N, C-alpha and C. Protein backbone atom coordinates (compact mmCIF):
# COMPACT_ATOMS: atom_id res chain seq x y z
N MET A 1 95.17 164.41 73.75
CA MET A 1 96.32 165.28 73.69
C MET A 1 95.98 166.58 74.41
N SER A 2 96.82 167.01 75.30
CA SER A 2 96.57 168.24 76.05
C SER A 2 97.04 169.44 75.22
N ASP A 3 96.65 170.63 75.66
CA ASP A 3 97.04 171.85 74.95
C ASP A 3 98.55 172.03 74.91
N ALA A 4 99.24 171.57 75.97
CA ALA A 4 100.69 171.72 76.03
C ALA A 4 101.38 170.84 74.99
N GLU A 5 100.76 169.75 74.61
CA GLU A 5 101.36 168.81 73.66
C GLU A 5 101.02 169.13 72.20
N ARG A 6 100.16 170.06 71.95
CA ARG A 6 99.75 170.38 70.58
C ARG A 6 100.89 171.02 69.81
N GLN A 7 100.92 170.73 68.55
CA GLN A 7 101.96 171.27 67.67
C GLN A 7 101.61 172.71 67.28
N PRO A 8 102.60 173.55 67.09
CA PRO A 8 102.34 174.94 66.68
C PRO A 8 101.54 175.04 65.38
N ASP A 9 101.78 174.12 64.45
CA ASP A 9 101.02 174.14 63.20
C ASP A 9 99.52 173.93 63.44
N ALA A 10 99.19 173.03 64.35
CA ALA A 10 97.79 172.76 64.67
C ALA A 10 97.15 173.97 65.33
N ILE A 11 97.89 174.61 66.20
CA ILE A 11 97.38 175.81 66.88
C ILE A 11 97.16 176.92 65.85
N GLU A 12 98.09 177.11 64.96
CA GLU A 12 97.95 178.14 63.92
C GLU A 12 96.75 177.85 63.02
N ARG A 13 96.55 176.58 62.69
CA ARG A 13 95.41 176.18 61.86
C ARG A 13 94.10 176.50 62.57
N ASP A 14 94.04 176.20 63.86
CA ASP A 14 92.83 176.49 64.64
C ASP A 14 92.56 178.00 64.69
N ILE A 15 93.62 178.77 64.88
CA ILE A 15 93.47 180.22 64.93
C ILE A 15 92.96 180.74 63.58
N GLU A 16 93.51 180.23 62.49
CA GLU A 16 93.09 180.66 61.15
C GLU A 16 91.63 180.28 60.88
N GLU A 17 91.22 179.10 61.31
CA GLU A 17 89.82 178.68 61.15
C GLU A 17 88.89 179.58 61.95
N ALA A 18 89.29 179.91 63.17
CA ALA A 18 88.48 180.80 64.00
C ALA A 18 88.40 182.18 63.36
N ARG A 19 89.49 182.65 62.80
CA ARG A 19 89.53 183.94 62.13
C ARG A 19 88.58 183.95 60.93
N GLU A 20 88.56 182.88 60.17
CA GLU A 20 87.66 182.78 59.02
C GLU A 20 86.19 182.78 59.45
N ARG A 21 85.89 182.03 60.52
CA ARG A 21 84.51 182.00 61.04
C ARG A 21 84.09 183.39 61.50
N LEU A 22 84.97 184.08 62.19
CA LEU A 22 84.66 185.43 62.66
C LEU A 22 84.46 186.39 61.48
N ALA A 23 85.30 186.27 60.46
CA ALA A 23 85.16 187.14 59.29
C ALA A 23 83.82 186.90 58.61
N THR A 24 83.41 185.65 58.49
CA THR A 24 82.12 185.32 57.88
C THR A 24 80.98 185.88 58.71
N THR A 25 81.06 185.74 60.01
CA THR A 25 80.03 186.27 60.90
C THR A 25 79.93 187.78 60.79
N ILE A 26 81.06 188.45 60.76
CA ILE A 26 81.07 189.91 60.64
C ILE A 26 80.46 190.33 59.31
N ASP A 27 80.81 189.63 58.22
CA ASP A 27 80.23 189.95 56.92
C ASP A 27 78.71 189.80 56.93
N GLN A 28 78.23 188.74 57.58
CA GLN A 28 76.78 188.53 57.67
C GLN A 28 76.12 189.64 58.48
N LEU A 29 76.74 190.04 59.58
CA LEU A 29 76.18 191.11 60.40
C LEU A 29 76.17 192.44 59.66
N VAL A 30 77.23 192.73 58.93
CA VAL A 30 77.28 193.97 58.15
C VAL A 30 76.17 193.98 57.11
N TYR A 31 75.97 192.86 56.43
CA TYR A 31 74.92 192.76 55.42
C TYR A 31 73.54 192.96 56.06
N ARG A 32 73.29 192.27 57.17
CA ARG A 32 71.98 192.35 57.81
C ARG A 32 71.70 193.72 58.40
N ALA A 33 72.75 194.45 58.82
CA ALA A 33 72.57 195.76 59.44
C ALA A 33 72.59 196.89 58.42
N ASN A 34 72.84 196.59 57.16
CA ASN A 34 72.88 197.60 56.11
C ASN A 34 71.47 198.20 55.96
N PRO A 35 71.35 199.53 55.96
CA PRO A 35 70.02 200.15 55.85
C PRO A 35 69.24 199.71 54.60
N LYS A 36 69.92 199.53 53.47
CA LYS A 36 69.22 199.10 52.26
C LYS A 36 68.66 197.69 52.44
N THR A 37 69.41 196.83 53.10
CA THR A 37 68.94 195.47 53.36
C THR A 37 67.74 195.49 54.29
N ILE A 38 67.80 196.32 55.31
CA ILE A 38 66.68 196.42 56.26
C ILE A 38 65.43 196.92 55.54
N ILE A 39 65.59 197.94 54.68
CA ILE A 39 64.44 198.47 53.96
C ILE A 39 63.85 197.41 53.03
N ARG A 40 64.70 196.70 52.29
CA ARG A 40 64.21 195.63 51.41
C ARG A 40 63.45 194.56 52.18
N ARG A 41 63.99 194.20 53.35
CA ARG A 41 63.35 193.16 54.17
C ARG A 41 61.98 193.64 54.67
N GLU A 42 61.90 194.91 55.10
CA GLU A 42 60.63 195.44 55.59
C GLU A 42 59.61 195.59 54.47
N ILE A 43 60.06 196.01 53.29
CA ILE A 43 59.15 196.11 52.14
C ILE A 43 58.60 194.73 51.79
N ALA A 44 59.46 193.74 51.81
CA ALA A 44 59.02 192.37 51.51
C ALA A 44 57.99 191.89 52.54
N THR A 45 58.18 192.26 53.80
CA THR A 45 57.24 191.88 54.85
C THR A 45 55.88 192.53 54.62
N VAL A 46 55.89 193.83 54.32
CA VAL A 46 54.63 194.54 54.08
C VAL A 46 53.95 193.99 52.83
N ARG A 47 54.73 193.79 51.78
CA ARG A 47 54.17 193.26 50.53
C ARG A 47 53.55 191.88 50.76
N ALA A 48 54.20 191.05 51.55
CA ALA A 48 53.67 189.72 51.83
C ALA A 48 52.34 189.79 52.59
N TYR A 49 52.13 190.86 53.35
CA TYR A 49 50.88 191.03 54.08
C TYR A 49 49.73 191.33 53.12
N PHE A 50 50.03 192.06 52.04
CA PHE A 50 48.98 192.47 51.11
C PHE A 50 48.89 191.63 49.84
N VAL A 51 49.94 190.86 49.52
CA VAL A 51 49.95 190.07 48.29
C VAL A 51 50.44 188.66 48.63
N ASP A 52 49.73 187.63 48.12
CA ASP A 52 50.17 186.26 48.40
C ASP A 52 51.33 185.87 47.48
N GLN A 53 51.81 184.65 47.62
CA GLN A 53 52.98 184.19 46.87
C GLN A 53 52.74 184.13 45.36
N ARG A 54 51.50 183.97 44.96
CA ARG A 54 51.17 183.91 43.53
C ARG A 54 50.93 185.29 42.93
N GLY A 55 50.99 186.34 43.75
CA GLY A 55 50.79 187.69 43.26
C GLY A 55 49.36 188.18 43.35
N ASN A 56 48.51 187.38 43.95
CA ASN A 56 47.10 187.78 44.12
C ASN A 56 46.95 188.64 45.37
N PRO A 57 46.10 189.68 45.29
CA PRO A 57 45.92 190.53 46.47
C PRO A 57 45.20 189.78 47.59
N ARG A 58 45.59 190.07 48.80
CA ARG A 58 44.91 189.51 49.98
C ARG A 58 43.85 190.52 50.41
N THR A 59 42.67 190.37 49.84
CA THR A 59 41.62 191.37 50.04
C THR A 59 41.22 191.52 51.51
N GLU A 60 41.27 190.43 52.27
CA GLU A 60 40.87 190.54 53.68
C GLU A 60 41.81 191.49 54.44
N ASN A 61 43.10 191.44 54.14
CA ASN A 61 44.04 192.33 54.80
C ASN A 61 43.93 193.76 54.26
N ILE A 62 43.71 193.89 52.96
CA ILE A 62 43.54 195.22 52.38
C ILE A 62 42.30 195.90 52.96
N LEU A 63 41.22 195.13 53.10
CA LEU A 63 39.99 195.70 53.67
C LEU A 63 40.16 196.09 55.13
N LYS A 64 40.92 195.32 55.87
CA LYS A 64 41.18 195.66 57.28
C LYS A 64 41.89 197.01 57.38
N VAL A 65 42.92 197.18 56.57
CA VAL A 65 43.69 198.42 56.61
C VAL A 65 42.84 199.59 56.11
N ALA A 66 42.11 199.38 55.01
CA ALA A 66 41.25 200.44 54.47
C ALA A 66 40.19 200.84 55.49
N GLY A 67 39.61 199.86 56.17
CA GLY A 67 38.62 200.16 57.21
C GLY A 67 39.23 200.93 58.36
N GLY A 68 40.44 200.56 58.75
CA GLY A 68 41.12 201.29 59.82
C GLY A 68 41.42 202.73 59.44
N VAL A 69 41.87 202.93 58.22
CA VAL A 69 42.16 204.30 57.74
C VAL A 69 40.87 205.11 57.67
N ALA A 70 39.82 204.52 57.12
CA ALA A 70 38.54 205.22 57.03
C ALA A 70 38.02 205.57 58.43
N GLY A 71 38.14 204.66 59.36
CA GLY A 71 37.70 204.93 60.73
C GLY A 71 38.50 206.04 61.37
N PHE A 72 39.80 206.05 61.14
CA PHE A 72 40.66 207.11 61.70
C PHE A 72 40.31 208.47 61.11
N VAL A 73 40.12 208.51 59.78
CA VAL A 73 39.76 209.78 59.13
C VAL A 73 38.42 210.27 59.66
N THR A 74 37.47 209.37 59.81
CA THR A 74 36.16 209.75 60.35
C THR A 74 36.31 210.29 61.76
N LEU A 75 37.11 209.66 62.57
CA LEU A 75 37.33 210.13 63.94
C LEU A 75 37.94 211.53 63.95
N VAL A 76 38.92 211.77 63.10
CA VAL A 76 39.56 213.10 63.04
C VAL A 76 38.55 214.15 62.60
N VAL A 77 37.72 213.83 61.60
CA VAL A 77 36.71 214.79 61.13
C VAL A 77 35.72 215.09 62.24
N VAL A 78 35.25 214.08 62.96
CA VAL A 78 34.28 214.27 64.05
C VAL A 78 34.91 215.13 65.15
N ILE A 79 36.13 214.84 65.53
CA ILE A 79 36.81 215.60 66.59
C ILE A 79 36.98 217.06 66.17
N ARG A 80 37.34 217.29 64.93
CA ARG A 80 37.53 218.67 64.45
C ARG A 80 36.21 219.43 64.46
N ARG A 81 35.11 218.75 64.09
CA ARG A 81 33.81 219.44 64.09
C ARG A 81 33.31 219.72 65.50
N VAL A 82 33.59 218.81 66.41
CA VAL A 82 33.12 218.98 67.80
C VAL A 82 33.90 220.12 68.48
N THR A 83 35.18 220.24 68.15
CA THR A 83 36.00 221.26 68.85
C THR A 83 35.88 222.65 68.24
N ARG A 84 35.14 222.81 67.16
CA ARG A 84 34.97 224.15 66.56
C ARG A 84 34.03 224.97 67.33
């Protein structure tokens, strides 16, 4: 059946279905772009890096970050003493 032969009711139904799909997509985009949602997602990502699914700490990752922080602090202290 060509577009010219379609019934107005069928065309209206297609338009309404497309409208519903667009509304759902917009709702999903609004939810995903909400700052609170973004913050929750980022916190979950960081938490997953430091804690496994059972709630146990991932010591290897914690030690990596602690070592990096300690190295940075040491570097800042050395630079400050050298430039005095």
